[in-house]
Amino acid sequence: MKRKQLIGRIVYHVVIMGFAYVMIYPILWMFFASFKDNMEIFADASKLWPEHFDFGNYARGWAGFSGYTFGTFFKNSAVISVISTAATVFSSAIIAYGFARVKFKFQKFWFAVMISTMMLPIQIIMVPQFIIFHKLNMVGTILPVVLPHFFGVPFFIFLMMQFIQGVPRDLDEAAKIDGCSKYAIFYKIILPLMKPALVTATIFQFYWKWDDFLGPLLYLNKPEKYTATLALRLFADPGSTVPWGEMLSMATLSIVPIVLIFLIFQKYLVEGISTSGLKG
């Protein structure tokens, strides 16, 4: 290898490692700060390694509030995230198949309406949606948080449409000759081929729902139904000293499910994005 190429590779890897360190530094800081006490956390904020590891932050943080441990809050987050993710992926796949493969009246108009909803800020629909769920006596339950996801999410509908349009229509025609209906073509032909797009939608939707703060804040009003994101906010009591060590320890635990899902399915995530026309 020539000397110039070797130097180029070294510079390239040093720059990449530098950017990687900048990106991951906040997580490293949170992780190591979760073992410090309040005085040490802010005595030298740039210092990562604690003087001594205080594992008590995790025990005290896990104890939770009002008799409910963080096990309850993590369970609530998991229930909401799993239901919302399954509902979103399944309904979005059906709607995407309808737009991509089924002809119906005013198809372009309804597609434009669906796409336009992607441009609406969530704050615009927040008030009317809350009024509707309040009149239906659903406030205080998880229904307002999970129910809208049974009607598809425009971003995932569009992503899956791009994927379906890449599947040759000859497969549909061959299935029709064999006697398959539109529903059978979807379940037996299209859906299995959509695996990368489905996994991509699953990862994003699970991450968004696990990390959601505004939805549970609006509709959940009892501690036993709080999610992990709402419970983390309870550490920040303006009337007393904030236990930063306990808060950061539970924040560290709260990102573990997301990291695990990303590591397990990252191969499908890259494949799903690259084959759905959403390249860089």
Protein backbone atom coordinates (compact mmCIF):
# COMPACT_ATOMS: atom_id res chain seq x y z
CA MET A 1 0.00 0.00 0.00
CA LYS A 2 1.32 3.37 -0.95
CA ARG A 3 2.27 5.80 1.79
CA LYS A 4 -0.26 8.40 0.56
CA GLN A 5 -3.15 5.88 0.67
CA LEU A 6 -2.14 4.73 4.15
CA ILE A 7 -2.15 8.30 5.47
CA GLY A 8 -5.52 8.90 3.83
CA ARG A 9 -7.03 5.87 5.54
CA ILE A 10 -5.64 6.87 8.93
CA VAL A 11 -7.05 10.39 8.61
CA TYR A 12 -10.39 8.96 7.46
CA HIS A 13 -10.71 6.64 10.46
CA VAL A 14 -9.60 9.33 12.92
CA VAL A 15 -12.25 11.73 11.58
CA ILE A 16 -14.95 9.04 11.65
CA MET A 17 -14.04 8.05 15.22
CA GLY A 18 -14.12 11.73 16.21
CA PHE A 19 -17.65 12.16 14.82
CA ALA A 20 -18.74 8.87 16.45
CA TYR A 21 -17.44 10.07 19.83
CA VAL A 22 -19.32 13.38 19.48
CA MET A 23 -22.53 11.54 18.61
CA ILE A 24 -22.30 8.99 21.42
CA TYR A 25 -20.89 11.35 24.08
CA PRO A 26 -24.32 12.36 25.55
CA ILE A 27 -25.20 8.69 26.11
CA LEU A 28 -21.81 7.96 27.66
CA TRP A 29 -22.19 11.02 29.91
CA MET A 30 -25.66 9.89 31.02
CA PHE A 31 -24.45 6.34 31.71
CA PHE A 32 -21.45 7.32 33.85
CA ALA A 33 -23.37 10.16 35.58
CA SER A 34 -25.95 7.58 36.69
CA PHE A 35 -23.31 6.26 39.14
CA LYS A 36 -22.50 9.69 40.64
CA ASP A 37 -24.16 11.71 43.40
CA ASN A 38 -25.60 15.16 42.72
CA MET A 39 -22.53 17.06 43.90
CA GLU A 40 -20.16 15.05 41.72
CA ILE A 41 -22.37 15.25 38.60
CA PHE A 42 -22.16 19.03 38.41
CA ALA A 43 -18.79 19.57 40.09
CA ASP A 44 -17.09 18.86 36.76
CA ALA A 45 -19.69 18.16 34.06
CA SER A 46 -17.04 17.37 31.43
CA LYS A 47 -15.63 14.51 33.53
CA LEU A 48 -17.00 11.10 32.52
CA TRP A 49 -15.49 8.57 34.93
CA PRO A 50 -16.94 8.80 38.47
CA GLU A 51 -14.67 8.91 41.52
CA HIS A 52 -16.58 5.95 42.92
CA PHE A 53 -19.47 3.96 41.47
CA ASP A 54 -22.71 4.43 43.45
CA PHE A 55 -25.01 1.58 42.38
CA GLY A 56 -27.56 2.80 44.92
CA ASN A 57 -28.91 5.27 42.36
CA TYR A 58 -30.42 2.36 40.44
CA ALA A 59 -32.04 0.84 43.54
CA ARG A 60 -33.45 4.18 44.72
CA GLY A 61 -34.61 5.13 41.21
CA TRP A 62 -36.27 1.74 40.67
CA ALA A 63 -38.33 2.27 43.86
CA GLY A 64 -40.41 4.78 41.87
CA PHE A 65 -43.24 6.94 43.26
CA SER A 66 -46.52 6.55 45.15
CA GLY A 67 -45.89 2.85 45.77
CA TYR A 68 -45.33 2.06 42.09
CA THR A 69 -41.88 0.90 40.99
CA PHE A 70 -40.34 1.52 37.61
CA GLY A 71 -41.26 -2.06 36.76
CA THR A 72 -44.88 -0.83 36.50
CA PHE A 73 -43.90 2.16 34.38
CA PHE A 74 -41.77 0.05 32.01
CA LYS A 75 -44.61 -2.47 31.72
CA ASN A 76 -47.06 0.31 30.80
CA SER A 77 -44.63 1.64 28.17
CA ALA A 78 -44.17 -1.85 26.75
CA VAL A 79 -47.93 -2.51 26.51
CA ILE A 80 -48.62 0.81 24.75
CA SER A 81 -45.61 0.48 22.43
CA VAL A 82 -46.34 -3.12 21.41
CA ILE A 83 -50.07 -2.53 20.74
CA SER A 84 -49.44 0.73 18.88
CA THR A 85 -46.63 -0.80 16.81
CA ALA A 86 -48.59 -3.90 15.82
CA ALA A 87 -51.65 -1.82 14.94
CA THR A 88 -49.64 0.71 12.95
CA VAL A 89 -47.68 -1.84 10.93
CA PHE A 90 -50.71 -4.00 10.07
CA SER A 91 -53.11 -1.16 9.19
CA SER A 92 -50.46 0.79 7.25
CA ALA A 93 -49.61 -2.33 5.20
CA ILE A 94 -53.27 -2.85 4.24
CA ILE A 95 -53.78 0.80 3.29
CA ALA A 96 -50.52 0.88 1.33
CA TYR A 97 -51.58 -2.23 -0.59
CA GLY A 98 -54.90 -0.58 -1.41
CA PHE A 99 -53.27 2.56 -2.79
CA ALA A 100 -50.57 0.63 -4.68
CA ARG A 101 -52.56 -2.25 -6.20
CA VAL A 102 -56.32 -1.59 -6.03
CA LYS A 103 -58.14 0.80 -8.35
CA PHE A 104 -61.01 2.80 -6.82
CA LYS A 105 -62.79 6.10 -7.39
CA PHE A 106 -60.98 9.33 -6.51
CA GLN A 107 -57.84 7.33 -5.70
CA LYS A 108 -55.50 10.24 -6.44
CA PHE A 109 -57.61 12.61 -4.37
CA TRP A 110 -57.59 10.35 -1.31
CA PHE A 111 -53.88 9.74 -1.73
CA ALA A 112 -53.30 13.51 -1.79
CA VAL A 113 -55.42 13.87 1.35
CA MET A 114 -53.40 11.15 3.06
CA ILE A 115 -50.09 12.74 2.07
CA SER A 116 -51.26 16.19 3.18
CA THR A 117 -51.87 14.88 6.70
CA MET A 118 -48.12 14.31 6.98
CA MET A 119 -47.69 18.08 6.90
CA LEU A 120 -50.08 18.78 9.79
CA PRO A 121 -48.34 19.57 13.08
CA ILE A 122 -49.57 17.38 15.91
CA GLN A 123 -50.56 20.52 17.85
CA ILE A 124 -53.34 21.24 15.33
CA ILE A 125 -55.23 17.98 15.93
CA MET A 126 -54.41 17.79 19.63
CA VAL A 127 -57.40 19.81 20.92
CA PRO A 128 -60.18 18.31 18.72
CA GLN A 129 -58.81 14.82 19.33
CA PHE A 130 -58.82 15.37 23.10
CA ILE A 131 -62.43 16.65 22.96
CA ILE A 132 -63.52 13.55 21.02
CA PHE A 133 -61.87 11.12 23.44
CA HIS A 134 -63.20 13.09 26.42
CA LYS A 135 -66.78 12.80 25.10
CA LEU A 136 -66.20 9.07 24.60
CA ASN A 137 -65.06 8.79 28.27
CA MET A 138 -61.70 7.36 27.20
CA VAL A 139 -59.48 9.92 28.95
CA GLY A 140 -57.60 8.20 31.76
CA THR A 141 -57.22 4.96 29.80
CA ILE A 142 -54.63 3.87 27.23
CA LEU A 143 -57.26 3.83 24.43
CA PRO A 144 -56.63 7.43 23.23
CA VAL A 145 -52.91 6.64 23.05
CA VAL A 146 -53.23 3.42 21.01
CA LEU A 147 -56.55 3.69 19.13
CA PRO A 148 -55.45 6.19 16.38
CA HIS A 149 -52.73 3.76 15.31
CA PHE A 150 -55.32 1.25 14.09
CA PHE A 151 -56.01 3.59 11.14
CA GLY A 152 -52.48 3.73 9.70
CA VAL A 153 -49.66 6.27 9.82
CA PRO A 154 -49.14 8.29 6.59
CA PHE A 155 -45.34 8.08 6.69
CA PHE A 156 -45.36 4.27 6.89
CA ILE A 157 -48.15 4.01 4.31
CA PHE A 158 -46.02 5.98 1.88
CA LEU A 159 -42.92 3.93 2.70
CA MET A 160 -44.74 0.63 2.18
CA MET A 161 -46.34 1.89 -1.05
CA GLN A 162 -42.86 2.54 -2.42
CA PHE A 163 -41.89 -1.01 -1.50
CA ILE A 164 -45.02 -2.61 -2.99
CA GLN A 165 -44.64 -0.69 -6.25
CA GLY A 166 -41.21 -2.32 -6.60
CA VAL A 167 -42.80 -5.79 -6.57
CA PRO A 168 -43.50 -7.00 -10.17
CA ARG A 169 -47.19 -7.02 -11.05
CA ASP A 170 -46.59 -10.31 -12.87
CA LEU A 171 -46.76 -12.01 -9.47
CA ASP A 172 -50.27 -10.61 -8.98
CA GLU A 173 -51.35 -11.79 -12.42
CA ALA A 174 -49.94 -15.27 -11.82
CA ALA A 175 -51.75 -15.46 -8.48
CA LYS A 176 -55.02 -14.36 -10.10
CA ILE A 177 -54.69 -17.14 -12.69
CA ASP A 178 -54.30 -19.59 -9.78
CA GLY A 179 -57.56 -18.29 -8.34
CA CYS A 180 -56.31 -15.91 -5.64
CA SER A 181 -58.48 -12.97 -4.62
CA LYS A 182 -57.05 -9.50 -3.83
CA TYR A 183 -56.97 -10.41 -0.14
CA ALA A 184 -55.17 -13.69 -0.80
CA ILE A 185 -52.62 -11.91 -3.00
CA PHE A 186 -51.95 -9.49 -0.14
CA TYR A 187 -51.55 -12.14 2.57
CA LYS A 188 -49.79 -14.81 0.51
CA ILE A 189 -47.72 -12.80 -2.00
CA ILE A 190 -47.23 -9.15 -1.04
CA LEU A 191 -47.04 -9.33 2.76
CA PRO A 192 -44.19 -11.90 2.94
CA LEU A 193 -42.19 -9.84 0.43
CA MET A 194 -42.66 -6.71 2.53
CA LYS A 195 -40.61 -8.05 5.44
CA PRO A 196 -37.84 -5.38 5.27
CA ALA A 197 -40.40 -2.54 5.07
CA LEU A 198 -42.47 -4.05 7.90
CA VAL A 199 -39.42 -4.39 10.14
CA THR A 200 -38.35 -0.82 9.34
CA ALA A 201 -41.79 0.47 10.31
CA THR A 202 -41.75 -1.69 13.45
CA ILE A 203 -38.42 -0.26 14.64
CA PHE A 204 -39.37 3.37 14.03
CA GLN A 205 -42.87 3.08 15.47
CA PHE A 206 -41.72 1.21 18.60
CA TYR A 207 -39.02 3.81 19.19
CA TRP A 208 -41.45 6.71 18.72
CA LYS A 209 -44.09 5.24 21.04
CA TRP A 210 -41.60 4.17 23.71
CA ASP A 211 -40.18 7.70 23.67
CA ASP A 212 -43.56 9.45 23.46
CA PHE A 213 -44.17 11.97 26.23
CA LEU A 214 -46.95 14.26 24.99
CA GLY A 215 -49.60 11.59 24.32
CA PRO A 216 -49.40 9.92 27.76
CA LEU A 217 -49.18 13.38 29.40
CA LEU A 218 -52.50 14.40 27.82
CA TYR A 219 -54.51 11.24 28.43
CA LEU A 220 -53.04 9.35 31.40
CA ASN A 221 -53.86 10.86 34.78
CA LYS A 222 -53.20 8.05 37.26
CA PRO A 223 -49.73 6.96 38.48
CA GLU A 224 -50.49 3.26 37.93
CA LYS A 225 -50.95 3.98 34.20
CA TYR A 226 -47.92 6.25 33.77
CA THR A 227 -45.29 5.33 31.19
CA ALA A 228 -41.53 5.49 31.81
CA THR A 229 -41.26 8.90 30.13
CA LEU A 230 -43.90 10.37 32.44
CA ALA A 231 -42.31 8.74 35.47
CA LEU A 232 -38.92 10.27 34.62
CA ARG A 233 -40.54 13.70 34.71
CA LEU A 234 -41.64 13.08 38.32
CA PHE A 235 -38.01 13.22 39.43
CA ALA A 236 -37.96 16.92 38.47
CA ASP A 237 -39.91 18.31 41.42
CA PRO A 238 -39.46 22.11 41.51
CA GLY A 239 -40.21 22.13 45.25
CA SER A 240 -37.25 19.97 46.24
CA THR A 241 -33.76 18.93 45.17
CA VAL A 242 -33.79 16.94 41.97
CA PRO A 243 -32.20 13.46 42.44
CA TRP A 244 -30.21 13.56 39.22
CA GLY A 245 -28.42 10.28 39.89
CA GLU A 246 -31.70 8.34 40.25
CA MET A 247 -33.20 10.11 37.21
CA LEU A 248 -30.20 9.37 35.00
CA SER A 249 -30.05 5.74 36.15
CA MET A 250 -33.68 5.15 35.12
CA ALA A 251 -33.14 7.12 31.89
CA THR A 252 -30.24 4.77 31.12
CA LEU A 253 -32.45 1.71 31.68
CA SER A 254 -35.23 3.23 29.56
CA ILE A 255 -33.10 3.22 26.40
CA VAL A 256 -32.08 -0.45 26.73
CA PRO A 257 -35.18 -1.90 24.92
CA ILE A 258 -34.73 0.52 22.00
CA VAL A 259 -31.03 -0.27 21.64
CA LEU A 260 -31.69 -4.03 21.74
CA ILE A 261 -34.40 -3.84 19.07
CA PHE A 262 -32.18 -1.71 16.86
CA LEU A 263 -29.22 -4.10 17.21
CA ILE A 264 -31.35 -7.16 16.48
CA PHE A 265 -33.13 -5.74 13.42
CA GLN A 266 -30.60 -3.26 12.01
CA LYS A 267 -29.97 -5.48 8.95
CA TYR A 268 -33.64 -5.28 7.95
CA LEU A 269 -33.71 -1.54 8.74
CA VAL A 270 -31.00 -0.77 6.17
CA GLU A 271 -32.57 -3.13 3.63
CA GLY A 272 -36.04 -1.68 4.11
CA ILE A 273 -34.94 1.92 3.66
CA SER A 274 -32.69 1.20 0.65
CA THR A 275 -35.44 -0.72 -1.20
CA SER A 276 -38.21 1.79 -0.47
CA GLY A 277 -36.85 4.68 -2.50
CA LEU A 278 -35.80 6.67 0.58
CA LYS A 279 -32.11 6.65 -0.09
CA GLY A 280 -30.05 9.48 1.37
